[in-house]
Amino acid sequence: MVYMLFPIAVIGCLAMAFNPLPAAIDGITPSEITADRDTVPANPTYQYRIIPVANNTYGYEIFSGNKKIIRQDCIPTVPGNKGFATKEAAGKVATLVISKLQQNIFPPAVTREELEKLKVL
């Protein structure tokens, strides 16, 4: 049964690839579609909160207004699920991530070199 459905799925995907989206839907062209101003603030403000995680370590949450947009329970780029040893270390990385968000860097990935520069590792 699965073998019979696979060709159908592949053919369906190929058909979609050769049929571009329509120029207009219900008379609205893609260029006329704009984001709701209430959902995309021009200059969002970000805040972070340090959170306790497993094994007496720490993580952080980042908020845009009242909306939580990031929860980081472990140290990025480090294998495993180990949290930050101190609240200060978690705060340094949260501040770095917020600075990337403010510069419109998305995703606001953190490198091992940045962690070493912050003396978090």
PDB file of N, CA and C in Angstrom:
ATOM      1  N   MET A   1       0.826  -1.195   0.000  1.00  0.00           N
ATOM      2  CA  MET A   1       0.000   0.000   0.000  1.00  0.00           C
ATOM      3  C   MET A   1       0.866   1.253   0.000  1.00  0.00           C
ATOM      4  N   VAL A   2       1.900   1.286   0.848  1.00  0.00           N
ATOM      5  CA  VAL A   2       2.776   2.445   0.919  1.00  0.00           C
ATOM      6  C   VAL A   2       3.500   2.644  -0.408  1.00  0.00           C
ATOM      7  N   TYR A   3       3.884   1.550  -1.031  1.00  0.00           N
ATOM      8  CA  TYR A   3       4.609   1.645  -2.293  1.00  0.00           C
ATOM      9  C   TYR A   3       3.745   2.259  -3.380  1.00  0.00           C
ATOM     10  N   MET A   4       2.434   2.031  -3.294  1.00  0.00           N
ATOM     11  CA  MET A   4       1.539   2.593  -4.299  1.00  0.00           C
ATOM     12  C   MET A   4       1.321   4.081  -4.061  1.00  0.00           C
ATOM     13  N   LEU A   5       1.367   4.546  -2.821  1.00  0.00           N
ATOM     14  CA  LEU A   5       1.141   5.950  -2.525  1.00  0.00           C
ATOM     15  C   LEU A   5       2.345   6.814  -2.827  1.00  0.00           C
ATOM     16  N   PHE A   6       3.552   6.246  -2.725  1.00  0.00           N
ATOM     17  CA  PHE A   6       4.762   7.032  -2.948  1.00  0.00           C
ATOM     18  C   PHE A   6       4.807   7.669  -4.333  1.00  0.00           C
ATOM     19  N   PRO A   7       4.553   6.922  -5.428  1.00  0.00           N
ATOM     20  CA  PRO A   7       4.574   7.569  -6.746  1.00  0.00           C
ATOM     21  C   PRO A   7       3.540   8.670  -6.871  1.00  0.00           C
ATOM     22  N   ILE A   8       2.397   8.484  -6.236  1.00  0.00           N
ATOM     23  CA  ILE A   8       1.354   9.514  -6.295  1.00  0.00           C
ATOM     24  C   ILE A   8       1.830  10.776  -5.596  1.00  0.00           C
ATOM     25  N   ALA A   9       2.490  10.630  -4.444  1.00  0.00           N
ATOM     26  CA  ALA A   9       2.992  11.796  -3.717  1.00  0.00           C
ATOM     27  C   ALA A   9       4.060  12.508  -4.521  1.00  0.00           C
ATOM     28  N   VAL A  10       4.953  11.748  -5.142  1.00  0.00           N
ATOM     29  CA  VAL A  10       6.015  12.357  -5.953  1.00  0.00           C
ATOM     30  C   VAL A  10       5.426  13.087  -7.135  1.00  0.00           C
ATOM     31  N   ILE A  11       4.469  12.462  -7.811  1.00  0.00           N
ATOM     32  CA  ILE A  11       3.830  13.109  -8.963  1.00  0.00           C
ATOM     33  C   ILE A  11       3.111  14.373  -8.525  1.00  0.00           C
ATOM     34  N   GLY A  12       2.448  14.317  -7.366  1.00  0.00           N
ATOM     35  CA  GLY A  12       1.760  15.503  -6.852  1.00  0.00           C
ATOM     36  C   GLY A  12       2.721  16.638  -6.572  1.00  0.00           C
ATOM     37  N   CYS A  13       3.896  16.327  -5.987  1.00  0.00           N
ATOM     38  CA  CYS A  13       4.900  17.357  -5.714  1.00  0.00           C
ATOM     39  C   CYS A  13       5.446  17.938  -6.996  1.00  0.00           C
ATOM     40  N   LEU A  14       5.694  17.090  -7.987  1.00  0.00           N
ATOM     41  CA  LEU A  14       6.202  17.578  -9.268  1.00  0.00           C
ATOM     42  C   LEU A  14       5.173  18.455  -9.961  1.00  0.00           C
ATOM     43  N   ALA A  15       3.926  18.072  -9.886  1.00  0.00           N
ATOM     44  CA  ALA A  15       2.874  18.872 -10.503  1.00  0.00           C
ATOM     45  C   ALA A  15       2.813  20.251  -9.866  1.00  0.00           C
ATOM     46  N   MET A  16       2.987  20.311  -8.535  1.00  0.00           N
ATOM     47  CA  MET A  16       2.969  21.603  -7.848  1.00  0.00           C
ATOM     48  C   MET A  16       4.154  22.452  -8.262  1.00  0.00           C
ATOM     49  N   ALA A  17       5.307  21.822  -8.518  1.00  0.00           N
ATOM     50  CA  ALA A  17       6.504  22.565  -8.897  1.00  0.00           C
ATOM     51  C   ALA A  17       6.339  23.224 -10.246  1.00  0.00           C
ATOM     52  N   PHE A  18       5.561  22.610 -11.133  1.00  0.00           N
ATOM     53  CA  PHE A  18       5.392  23.165 -12.468  1.00  0.00           C
ATOM     54  C   PHE A  18       4.197  24.092 -12.576  1.00  0.00           C
ATOM     55  N   ASN A  19       3.393  24.175 -11.549  1.00  0.00           N
ATOM     56  CA  ASN A  19       2.246  25.071 -11.521  1.00  0.00           C
ATOM     57  C   ASN A  19       2.502  26.166 -10.507  1.00  0.00           C
ATOM     58  N   PRO A  20       2.967  27.340 -10.944  1.00  0.00           N
ATOM     59  CA  PRO A  20       3.240  28.423  -9.989  1.00  0.00           C
ATOM     60  C   PRO A  20       1.952  28.909  -9.338  1.00  0.00           C
ATOM     61  N   LEU A  21       2.119  29.637  -8.254  1.00  0.00           N
ATOM     62  CA  LEU A  21       0.965  30.203  -7.567  1.00  0.00           C
ATOM     63  C   LEU A  21       0.212  31.135  -8.498  1.00  0.00           C
ATOM     64  N   PRO A  22      -1.075  31.226  -8.334  1.00  0.00           N
ATOM     65  CA  PRO A  22      -1.840  32.127  -9.197  1.00  0.00           C
ATOM     66  C   PRO A  22      -1.422  33.575  -8.988  1.00  0.00           C
ATOM     67  N   ALA A  23      -1.611  34.384 -10.035  1.00  0.00           N
ATOM     68  CA  ALA A  23      -1.232  35.793  -9.968  1.00  0.00           C
ATOM     69  C   ALA A  23      -2.096  36.551  -8.967  1.00  0.00           C
ATOM     70  N   ALA A  24      -3.325  36.109  -8.769  1.00  0.00           N
ATOM     71  CA  ALA A  24      -4.213  36.787  -7.826  1.00  0.00           C
ATOM     72  C   ALA A  24      -5.152  35.767  -7.198  1.00  0.00           C
ATOM     73  N   ILE A  25      -5.464  35.974  -5.959  1.00  0.00           N
ATOM     74  CA  ILE A  25      -6.440  35.154  -5.254  1.00  0.00           C
ATOM     75  C   ILE A  25      -7.525  36.100  -4.767  1.00  0.00           C
ATOM     76  N   ASP A  26      -8.741  35.821  -5.171  1.00  0.00           N
ATOM     77  CA  ASP A  26      -9.881  36.673  -4.813  1.00  0.00           C
ATOM     78  C   ASP A  26      -9.613  38.131  -5.186  1.00  0.00           C
ATOM     79  N   GLY A  27      -8.916  38.349  -6.292  1.00  0.00           N
ATOM     80  CA  GLY A  27      -8.667  39.705  -6.770  1.00  0.00           C
ATOM     81  C   GLY A  27      -7.537  40.434  -6.069  1.00  0.00           C
ATOM     82  N   ILE A  28      -6.835  39.769  -5.150  1.00  0.00           N
ATOM     83  CA  ILE A  28      -5.736  40.402  -4.415  1.00  0.00           C
ATOM     84  C   ILE A  28      -4.431  39.827  -4.931  1.00  0.00           C
ATOM     85  N   THR A  29      -3.549  40.675  -5.414  1.00  0.00           N
ATOM     86  CA  THR A  29      -2.248  40.212  -5.875  1.00  0.00           C
ATOM     87  C   THR A  29      -1.294  40.129  -4.692  1.00  0.00           C
ATOM     88  N   PRO A  30      -0.244  39.298  -4.784  1.00  0.00           N
ATOM     89  CA  PRO A  30       0.696  39.181  -3.666  1.00  0.00           C
ATOM     90  C   PRO A  30       1.301  40.513  -3.240  1.00  0.00           C
ATOM     91  N   SER A  31       1.516  41.432  -4.156  1.00  0.00           N
ATOM     92  CA  SER A  31       2.118  42.711  -3.790  1.00  0.00           C
ATOM     93  C   SER A  31       1.172  43.571  -2.952  1.00  0.00           C
ATOM     94  N   GLU A  32      -0.114  43.261  -2.966  1.00  0.00           N
ATOM     95  CA  GLU A  32      -1.076  44.028  -2.183  1.00  0.00           C
ATOM     96  C   GLU A  32      -1.228  43.510  -0.769  1.00  0.00           C
ATOM     97  N   ILE A  33      -0.660  42.339  -0.498  1.00  0.00           N
ATOM     98  CA  ILE A  33      -0.791  41.741   0.831  1.00  0.00           C
ATOM     99  C   ILE A  33       0.261  42.356   1.743  1.00  0.00           C
ATOM    100  N   THR A  34      -0.158  42.937   2.841  1.00  0.00           N
ATOM    101  CA  THR A  34       0.763  43.543   3.796  1.00  0.00           C
ATOM    102  C   THR A  34       0.503  42.977   5.175  1.00  0.00           C
ATOM    103  N   ALA A  35       1.490  43.044   6.012  1.00  0.00           N
ATOM    104  CA  ALA A  35       1.348  42.548   7.385  1.00  0.00           C
ATOM    105  C   ALA A  35       0.497  43.496   8.200  1.00  0.00           C
ATOM    106  N   ASP A  36      -0.232  42.940   9.124  1.00  0.00           N
ATOM    107  CA  ASP A  36      -1.020  43.729  10.061  1.00  0.00           C
ATOM    108  C   ASP A  36      -0.067  44.515  10.957  1.00  0.00           C
ATOM    109  N   ARG A  37      -0.213  45.808  11.038  1.00  0.00           N
ATOM    110  CA  ARG A  37       0.704  46.644  11.805  1.00  0.00           C
ATOM    111  C   ARG A  37       0.735  46.282  13.290  1.00  0.00           C
ATOM    112  N   ASP A  38      -0.351  45.710  13.799  1.00  0.00           N
ATOM    113  CA  ASP A  38      -0.380  45.337  15.211  1.00  0.00           C
ATOM    114  C   ASP A  38       0.464  44.104  15.512  1.00  0.00           C
ATOM    115  N   THR A  39       0.749  43.284  14.506  1.00  0.00           N
ATOM    116  CA  THR A  39       1.492  42.055  14.751  1.00  0.00           C
ATOM    117  C   THR A  39       2.982  42.195  14.461  1.00  0.00           C
ATOM    118  N   VAL A  40       3.375  43.226  13.735  1.00  0.00           N
ATOM    119  CA  VAL A  40       4.782  43.422  13.405  1.00  0.00           C
ATOM    120  C   VAL A  40       5.203  44.828  13.834  1.00  0.00           C
ATOM    121  N   PRO A  41       5.656  44.986  15.078  1.00  0.00           N
ATOM    122  CA  PRO A  41       6.042  46.326  15.531  1.00  0.00           C
ATOM    123  C   PRO A  41       7.265  46.836  14.785  1.00  0.00           C
ATOM    124  N   ALA A  42       7.317  48.133  14.541  1.00  0.00           N
ATOM    125  CA  ALA A  42       8.438  48.729  13.812  1.00  0.00           C
ATOM    126  C   ALA A  42       9.737  48.579  14.595  1.00  0.00           C
ATOM    127  N   ASN A  43       9.719  48.854  15.873  1.00  0.00           N
ATOM    128  CA  ASN A  43      10.910  48.747  16.719  1.00  0.00           C
ATOM    129  C   ASN A  43      10.566  47.952  17.972  1.00  0.00           C
ATOM    130  N   PRO A  44      10.586  46.627  17.849  1.00  0.00           N
ATOM    131  CA  PRO A  44      10.212  45.838  19.025  1.00  0.00           C
ATOM    132  C   PRO A  44      11.218  46.000  20.153  1.00  0.00           C
ATOM    133  N   THR A  45      10.722  45.911  21.353  1.00  0.00           N
ATOM    134  CA  THR A  45      11.609  45.939  22.513  1.00  0.00           C
ATOM    135  C   THR A  45      11.732  44.523  23.036  1.00  0.00           C
ATOM    136  N   TYR A  46      12.932  44.150  23.423  1.00  0.00           N
ATOM    137  CA  TYR A  46      13.193  42.800  23.896  1.00  0.00           C
ATOM    138  C   TYR A  46      13.637  42.840  25.349  1.00  0.00           C
ATOM    139  N   GLN A  47      13.247  41.818  26.078  1.00  0.00           N
ATOM    140  CA  GLN A  47      13.642  41.655  27.473  1.00  0.00           C
ATOM    141  C   GLN A  47      13.978  40.191  27.675  1.00  0.00           C
ATOM    142  N   TYR A  48      14.814  39.906  28.668  1.00  0.00           N
ATOM    143  CA  TYR A  48      15.076  38.508  28.977  1.00  0.00           C
ATOM    144  C   TYR A  48      14.821  38.233  30.440  1.00  0.00           C
ATOM    145  N   ARG A  49      14.625  36.956  30.720  1.00  0.00           N
ATOM    146  CA  ARG A  49      14.415  36.497  32.083  1.00  0.00           C
ATOM    147  C   ARG A  49      15.257  35.240  32.277  1.00  0.00           C
ATOM    148  N   ILE A  50      16.016  35.178  33.341  1.00  0.00           N
ATOM    149  CA  ILE A  50      16.811  34.001  33.672  1.00  0.00           C
ATOM    150  C   ILE A  50      15.879  32.964  34.306  1.00  0.00           C
ATOM    151  N   ILE A  51      16.020  31.719  33.884  1.00  0.00           N
ATOM    152  CA  ILE A  51      15.163  30.658  34.403  1.00  0.00           C
ATOM    153  C   ILE A  51      16.016  29.513  34.958  1.00  0.00           C
ATOM    154  N   PRO A  52      15.566  28.889  36.025  1.00  0.00           N
ATOM    155  CA  PRO A  52      16.282  27.707  36.526  1.00  0.00           C
ATOM    156  C   PRO A  52      15.946  26.512  35.631  1.00  0.00           C
ATOM    157  N   VAL A  53      16.951  25.695  35.342  1.00  0.00           N
ATOM    158  CA  VAL A  53      16.745  24.470  34.571  1.00  0.00           C
ATOM    159  C   VAL A  53      17.383  23.306  35.323  1.00  0.00           C
ATOM    160  N   ALA A  54      17.492  22.174  34.701  1.00  0.00           N
ATOM    161  CA  ALA A  54      17.943  20.941  35.359  1.00  0.00           C
ATOM    162  C   ALA A  54      19.339  21.074  35.966  1.00  0.00           C
ATOM    163  N   ASN A  55      19.553  20.307  37.009  1.00  0.00           N
ATOM    164  CA  ASN A  55      20.863  20.165  37.662  1.00  0.00           C
ATOM    165  C   ASN A  55      21.433  21.481  38.195  1.00  0.00           C
ATOM    166  N   ASN A  56      20.585  22.308  38.756  1.00  0.00           N
ATOM    167  CA  ASN A  56      21.004  23.589  39.344  1.00  0.00           C
ATOM    168  C   ASN A  56      21.758  24.479  38.354  1.00  0.00           C
ATOM    169  N   THR A  57      21.294  24.485  37.120  1.00  0.00           N
ATOM    170  CA  THR A  57      21.876  25.364  36.104  1.00  0.00           C
ATOM    171  C   THR A  57      20.802  26.343  35.652  1.00  0.00           C
ATOM    172  N   TYR A  58      21.155  27.196  34.689  1.00  0.00           N
ATOM    173  CA  TYR A  58      20.251  28.275  34.284  1.00  0.00           C
ATOM    174  C   TYR A  58      20.117  28.353  32.771  1.00  0.00           C
ATOM    175  N   GLY A  59      18.996  28.888  32.360  1.00  0.00           N
ATOM    176  CA  GLY A  59      18.720  29.186  30.969  1.00  0.00           C
ATOM    177  C   GLY A  59      18.105  30.568  30.907  1.00  0.00           C
ATOM    178  N   TYR A  60      17.531  30.903  29.768  1.00  0.00           N
ATOM    179  CA  TYR A  60      16.890  32.215  29.638  1.00  0.00           C
ATOM    180  C   TYR A  60      15.712  32.142  28.685  1.00  0.00           C
ATOM    181  N   GLU A  61      14.830  33.113  28.842  1.00  0.00           N
ATOM    182  CA  GLU A  61      13.715  33.325  27.934  1.00  0.00           C
ATOM    183  C   GLU A  61      13.805  34.760  27.443  1.00  0.00           C
ATOM    184  N   ILE A  62      13.514  34.957  26.179  1.00  0.00           N
ATOM    185  CA  ILE A  62      13.517  36.299  25.599  1.00  0.00           C
ATOM    186  C   ILE A  62      12.097  36.619  25.155  1.00  0.00           C
ATOM    187  N   PHE A  63      11.677  37.824  25.477  1.00  0.00           N
ATOM    188  CA  PHE A  63      10.334  38.286  25.177  1.00  0.00           C
ATOM    189  C   PHE A  63      10.382  39.491  24.250  1.00  0.00           C
ATOM    190  N   SER A  64       9.417  39.549  23.347  1.00  0.00           N
ATOM    191  CA  SER A  64       9.161  40.734  22.541  1.00  0.00           C
ATOM    192  C   SER A  64       7.817  41.255  23.043  1.00  0.00           C
ATOM    193  N   GLY A  65       7.873  42.337  23.808  1.00  0.00           N
ATOM    194  CA  GLY A  65       6.664  42.783  24.497  1.00  0.00           C
ATOM    195  C   GLY A  65       6.304  41.727  25.527  1.00  0.00           C
ATOM    196  N   ASN A  66       5.072  41.225  25.474  1.00  0.00           N
ATOM    197  CA  ASN A  66       4.630  40.177  26.401  1.00  0.00           C
ATOM    198  C   ASN A  66       4.753  38.782  25.810  1.00  0.00           C
ATOM    199  N   LYS A  67       5.215  38.685  24.564  1.00  0.00           N
ATOM    200  CA  LYS A  67       5.263  37.397  23.874  1.00  0.00           C
ATOM    201  C   LYS A  67       6.639  36.752  24.005  1.00  0.00           C
ATOM    202  N   LYS A  68       6.661  35.521  24.529  1.00  0.00           N
ATOM    203  CA  LYS A  68       7.918  34.778  24.626  1.00  0.00           C
ATOM    204  C   LYS A  68       8.290  34.303  23.226  1.00  0.00           C
ATOM    205  N   ILE A  69       9.499  34.672  22.765  1.00  0.00           N
ATOM    206  CA  ILE A  69       9.910  34.276  21.429  1.00  0.00           C
ATOM    207  C   ILE A  69      11.057  33.266  21.442  1.00  0.00           C
ATOM    208  N   ILE A  70      11.798  33.189  22.543  1.00  0.00           N
ATOM    209  CA  ILE A  70      12.907  32.237  22.646  1.00  0.00           C
ATOM    210  C   ILE A  70      12.954  31.681  24.060  1.00  0.00           C
ATOM    211  N   ARG A  71      13.164  30.378  24.150  1.00  0.00           N
ATOM    212  CA  ARG A  71      13.446  29.733  25.437  1.00  0.00           C
ATOM    213  C   ARG A  71      14.696  28.893  25.208  1.00  0.00           C
ATOM    214  N   GLN A  72      15.747  29.173  25.953  1.00  0.00           N
ATOM    215  CA  GLN A  72      17.022  28.469  25.819  1.00  0.00           C
ATOM    216  C   GLN A  72      17.339  27.792  27.138  1.00  0.00           C
ATOM    217  N   ASP A  73      17.172  26.467  27.170  1.00  0.00           N
ATOM    218  CA  ASP A  73      17.407  25.696  28.391  1.00  0.00           C
ATOM    219  C   ASP A  73      18.844  25.201  28.510  1.00  0.00           C
ATOM    220  N   CYS A  74      19.578  25.207  27.423  1.00  0.00           N
ATOM    221  CA  CYS A  74      20.937  24.663  27.447  1.00  0.00           C
ATOM    222  C   CYS A  74      21.884  25.604  26.708  1.00  0.00           C
ATOM    223  N   ILE A  75      23.174  25.375  26.899  1.00  0.00           N
ATOM    224  CA  ILE A  75      24.185  26.216  26.265  1.00  0.00           C
ATOM    225  C   ILE A  75      24.218  25.890  24.771  1.00  0.00           C
ATOM    226  N   PRO A  76      24.018  26.883  23.910  1.00  0.00           N
ATOM    227  CA  PRO A  76      24.058  26.612  22.474  1.00  0.00           C
ATOM    228  C   PRO A  76      25.463  26.183  22.034  1.00  0.00           C
ATOM    229  N   THR A  77      25.518  25.367  21.018  1.00  0.00           N
ATOM    230  CA  THR A  77      26.734  24.828  20.395  1.00  0.00           C
ATOM    231  C   THR A  77      27.459  23.804  21.263  1.00  0.00           C
ATOM    232  N   VAL A  78      27.009  23.565  22.481  1.00  0.00           N
ATOM    233  CA  VAL A  78      27.655  22.596  23.361  1.00  0.00           C
ATOM    234  C   VAL A  78      26.836  21.303  23.319  1.00  0.00           C
ATOM    235  N   PRO A  79      27.466  20.170  23.021  1.00  0.00           N
ATOM    236  CA  PRO A  79      26.716  18.913  22.972  1.00  0.00           C
ATOM    237  C   PRO A  79      26.048  18.608  24.319  1.00  0.00           C
ATOM    238  N   GLY A  80      24.887  18.007  24.241  1.00  0.00           N
ATOM    239  CA  GLY A  80      24.154  17.654  25.447  1.00  0.00           C
ATOM    240  C   GLY A  80      23.137  18.721  25.813  1.00  0.00           C
ATOM    241  N   ASN A  81      22.618  18.605  27.009  1.00  0.00           N
ATOM    242  CA  ASN A  81      21.572  19.515  27.481  1.00  0.00           C
ATOM    243  C   ASN A  81      21.996  20.273  28.725  1.00  0.00           C
ATOM    244  N   LYS A  82      23.244  20.597  28.832  1.00  0.00           N
ATOM    245  CA  LYS A  82      23.753  21.277  30.023  1.00  0.00           C
ATOM    246  C   LYS A  82      23.391  22.763  29.986  1.00  0.00           C
ATOM    247  N   GLY A  83      22.841  23.235  31.100  1.00  0.00           N
ATOM    248  CA  GLY A  83      22.511  24.650  31.210  1.00  0.00           C
ATOM    249  C   GLY A  83      23.728  25.472  31.597  1.00  0.00           C
ATOM    250  N   PHE A  84      23.537  26.778  31.706  1.00  0.00           N
ATOM    251  CA  PHE A  84      24.612  27.687  32.100  1.00  0.00           C
ATOM    252  C   PHE A  84      24.908  27.512  33.584  1.00  0.00           C
ATOM    253  N   ALA A  85      26.171  27.583  33.955  1.00  0.00           N
ATOM    254  CA  ALA A  85      26.577  27.372  35.345  1.00  0.00           C
ATOM    255  C   ALA A  85      26.099  28.497  36.261  1.00  0.00           C
ATOM    256  N   THR A  86      26.031  29.722  35.735  1.00  0.00           N
ATOM    257  CA  THR A  86      25.629  30.864  36.562  1.00  0.00           C
ATOM    258  C   THR A  86      24.545  31.681  35.863  1.00  0.00           C
ATOM    259  N   LYS A  87      23.842  32.459  36.668  1.00  0.00           N
ATOM    260  CA  LYS A  87      22.850  33.381  36.118  1.00  0.00           C
ATOM    261  C   LYS A  87      23.528  34.425  35.234  1.00  0.00           C
ATOM    262  N   GLU A  88      24.729  34.839  35.639  1.00  0.00           N
ATOM    263  CA  GLU A  88      25.463  35.859  34.888  1.00  0.00           C
ATOM    264  C   GLU A  88      25.806  35.362  33.490  1.00  0.00           C
ATOM    265  N   ALA A  89      26.222  34.106  33.378  1.00  0.00           N
ATOM    266  CA  ALA A  89      26.564  33.543  32.072  1.00  0.00           C
ATOM    267  C   ALA A  89      25.338  33.496  31.170  1.00  0.00           C
ATOM    268  N   ALA A  90      24.210  33.065  31.727  1.00  0.00           N
ATOM    269  CA  ALA A  90      22.972  33.023  30.949  1.00  0.00           C
ATOM    270  C   ALA A  90      22.573  34.434  30.510  1.00  0.00           C
ATOM    271  N   GLY A  91      22.746  35.412  31.383  1.00  0.00           N
ATOM    272  CA  GLY A  91      22.412  36.802  31.057  1.00  0.00           C
ATOM    273  C   GLY A  91      23.290  37.375  29.961  1.00  0.00           C
ATOM    274  N   LYS A  92      24.579  37.034  29.973  1.00  0.00           N
ATOM    275  CA  LYS A  92      25.483  37.509  28.920  1.00  0.00           C
ATOM    276  C   LYS A  92      25.036  37.014  27.551  1.00  0.00           C
ATOM    277  N   VAL A  93      24.681  35.734  27.474  1.00  0.00           N
ATOM    278  CA  VAL A  93      24.268  35.164  26.186  1.00  0.00           C
ATOM    279  C   VAL A  93      22.909  35.713  25.768  1.00  0.00           C
ATOM    280  N   ALA A  94      21.993  35.869  26.714  1.00  0.00           N
ATOM    281  CA  ALA A  94      20.691  36.452  26.392  1.00  0.00           C
ATOM    282  C   ALA A  94      20.858  37.870  25.843  1.00  0.00           C
ATOM    283  N   THR A  95      21.763  38.632  26.424  1.00  0.00           N
ATOM    284  CA  THR A  95      22.034  39.993  25.945  1.00  0.00           C
ATOM    285  C   THR A  95      22.595  39.965  24.526  1.00  0.00           C
ATOM    286  N   LEU A  96      23.483  39.005  24.248  1.00  0.00           N
ATOM    287  CA  LEU A  96      24.032  38.860  22.893  1.00  0.00           C
ATOM    288  C   LEU A  96      22.930  38.534  21.891  1.00  0.00           C
ATOM    289  N   VAL A  97      22.051  37.619  22.253  1.00  0.00           N
ATOM    290  CA  VAL A  97      20.958  37.240  21.359  1.00  0.00           C
ATOM    291  C   VAL A  97      20.039  38.437  21.102  1.00  0.00           C
ATOM    292  N   ILE A  98      19.739  39.201  22.140  1.00  0.00           N
ATOM    293  CA  ILE A  98      18.900  40.387  21.966  1.00  0.00           C
ATOM    294  C   ILE A  98      19.568  41.387  21.040  1.00  0.00           C
ATOM    295  N   SER A  99      20.876  41.571  21.160  1.00  0.00           N
ATOM    296  CA  SER A  99      21.565  42.512  20.266  1.00  0.00           C
ATOM    297  C   SER A  99      21.478  42.040  18.818  1.00  0.00           C
ATOM    298  N   LYS A 100      21.519  40.723  18.602  1.00  0.00           N
ATOM    299  CA  LYS A 100      21.366  40.205  17.238  1.00  0.00           C
ATOM    300  C   LYS A 100      19.950  40.434  16.718  1.00  0.00           C
ATOM    301  N   LEU A 101      18.965  40.223  17.570  1.00  0.00           N
ATOM    302  CA  LEU A 101      17.579  40.475  17.166  1.00  0.00           C
ATOM    303  C   LEU A 101      17.377  41.943  16.802  1.00  0.00           C
ATOM    304  N   GLN A 102      17.964  42.839  17.579  1.00  0.00           N
ATOM    305  CA  GLN A 102      17.837  44.274  17.312  1.00  0.00           C
ATOM    306  C   GLN A 102      18.518  44.673  16.004  1.00  0.00           C
ATOM    307  N   GLN A 103      19.498  43.874  15.567  1.00  0.00           N
ATOM    308  CA  GLN A 103      20.175  44.121  14.293  1.00  0.00           C
ATOM    309  C   GLN A 103      19.511  43.352  13.146  1.00  0.00           C
ATOM    310  N   ASN A 104      18.339  42.774  13.430  1.00  0.00           N
ATOM    311  CA  ASN A 104      17.589  41.971  12.457  1.00  0.00           C
ATOM    312  C   ASN A 104      18.360  40.759  11.957  1.00  0.00           C
ATOM    313  N   ILE A 105      19.177  40.179  12.813  1.00  0.00           N
ATOM    314  CA  ILE A 105      19.876  38.941  12.487  1.00  0.00           C
ATOM    315  C   ILE A 105      18.985  37.799  12.941  1.00  0.00           C
ATOM    316  N   PHE A 106      18.487  37.041  11.976  1.00  0.00           N
ATOM    317  CA  PHE A 106      17.596  35.947  12.316  1.00  0.00           C
ATOM    318  C   PHE A 106      17.910  34.743  11.464  1.00  0.00           C
ATOM    319  N   PRO A 107      18.069  33.583  12.061  1.00  0.00           N
ATOM    320  CA  PRO A 107      17.981  33.339  13.485  1.00  0.00           C
ATOM    321  C   PRO A 107      19.189  33.917  14.221  1.00  0.00           C
ATOM    322  N   PRO A 108      19.017  34.284  15.461  1.00  0.00           N
ATOM    323  CA  PRO A 108      20.120  34.885  16.224  1.00  0.00           C
ATOM    324  C   PRO A 108      21.055  33.818  16.800  1.00  0.00           C
ATOM    325  N   ALA A 109      21.644  33.032  15.926  1.00  0.00           N
ATOM    326  CA  ALA A 109      22.491  31.917  16.351  1.00  0.00           C
ATOM    327  C   ALA A 109      23.729  32.417  17.098  1.00  0.00           C
ATOM    328  N   VAL A 110      24.162  31.617  18.059  1.00  0.00           N
ATOM    329  CA  VAL A 110      25.340  31.937  18.869  1.00  0.00           C
ATOM    330  C   VAL A 110      26.422  30.916  18.536  1.00  0.00           C
ATOM    331  N   THR A 111      27.626  31.397  18.277  1.00  0.00           N
ATOM    332  CA  THR A 111      28.728  30.501  17.938  1.00  0.00           C
ATOM    333  C   THR A 111      29.564  30.170  19.171  1.00  0.00           C
ATOM    334  N   ARG A 112      30.342  29.122  19.049  1.00  0.00           N
ATOM    335  CA  ARG A 112      31.239  28.731  20.139  1.00  0.00           C
ATOM    336  C   ARG A 112      32.258  29.845  20.408  1.00  0.00           C
ATOM    337  N   GLU A 113      32.732  30.502  19.360  1.00  0.00           N
ATOM    338  CA  GLU A 113      33.691  31.605  19.520  1.00  0.00           C
ATOM    339  C   GLU A 113      33.085  32.745  20.321  1.00  0.00           C
ATOM    340  N   GLU A 114      31.814  33.047  20.074  1.00  0.00           N
ATOM    341  CA  GLU A 114      31.148  34.106  20.834  1.00  0.00           C
ATOM    342  C   GLU A 114      31.030  33.722  22.303  1.00  0.00           C
ATOM    343  N   LEU A 115      30.732  32.456  22.573  1.00  0.00           N
ATOM    344  CA  LEU A 115      30.642  31.995  23.960  1.00  0.00           C
ATOM    345  C   LEU A 115      31.991  32.099  24.658  1.00  0.00           C
ATOM    346  N   GLU A 116      33.058  31.763  23.936  1.00  0.00           N
ATOM    347  CA  GLU A 116      34.403  31.868  24.510  1.00  0.00           C
ATOM    348  C   GLU A 116      34.767  33.325  24.762  1.00  0.00           C
ATOM    349  N   LYS A 117      34.393  34.202  23.852  1.00  0.00           N
ATOM    350  CA  LYS A 117      34.674  35.632  24.006  1.00  0.00           C
ATOM    351  C   LYS A 117      33.941  36.208  25.222  1.00  0.00           C
ATOM    352  N   LEU A 118      32.744  35.699  25.480  1.00  0.00           N
ATOM    353  CA  LEU A 118      31.967  36.136  26.646  1.00  0.00           C
ATOM    354  C   LEU A 118      32.425  35.464  27.931  1.00  0.00           C
ATOM    355  N   LYS A 119      33.363  34.531  27.807  1.00  0.00           N
ATOM    356  CA  LYS A 119      33.888  33.757  28.949  1.00  0.00           C
ATOM    357  C   LYS A 119      32.785  32.953  29.619  1.00  0.00           C
ATOM    358  N   VAL A 120      31.908  32.378  28.783  1.00  0.00           N
ATOM    359  CA  VAL A 120      30.829  31.548  29.269  1.00  0.00           C
ATOM    360  C   VAL A 120      31.268  30.089  29.318  1.00  0.00           C
ATOM    361  N   LEU A 121      32.181  29.711  28.451  1.00  0.00           N
ATOM    362  CA  LEU A 121      32.665  28.319  28.420  1.00  0.00           C
ATOM    363  C   LEU A 121      33.909  28.170  29.279  1.00  0.00           C
TER     364      LEU A 121
END
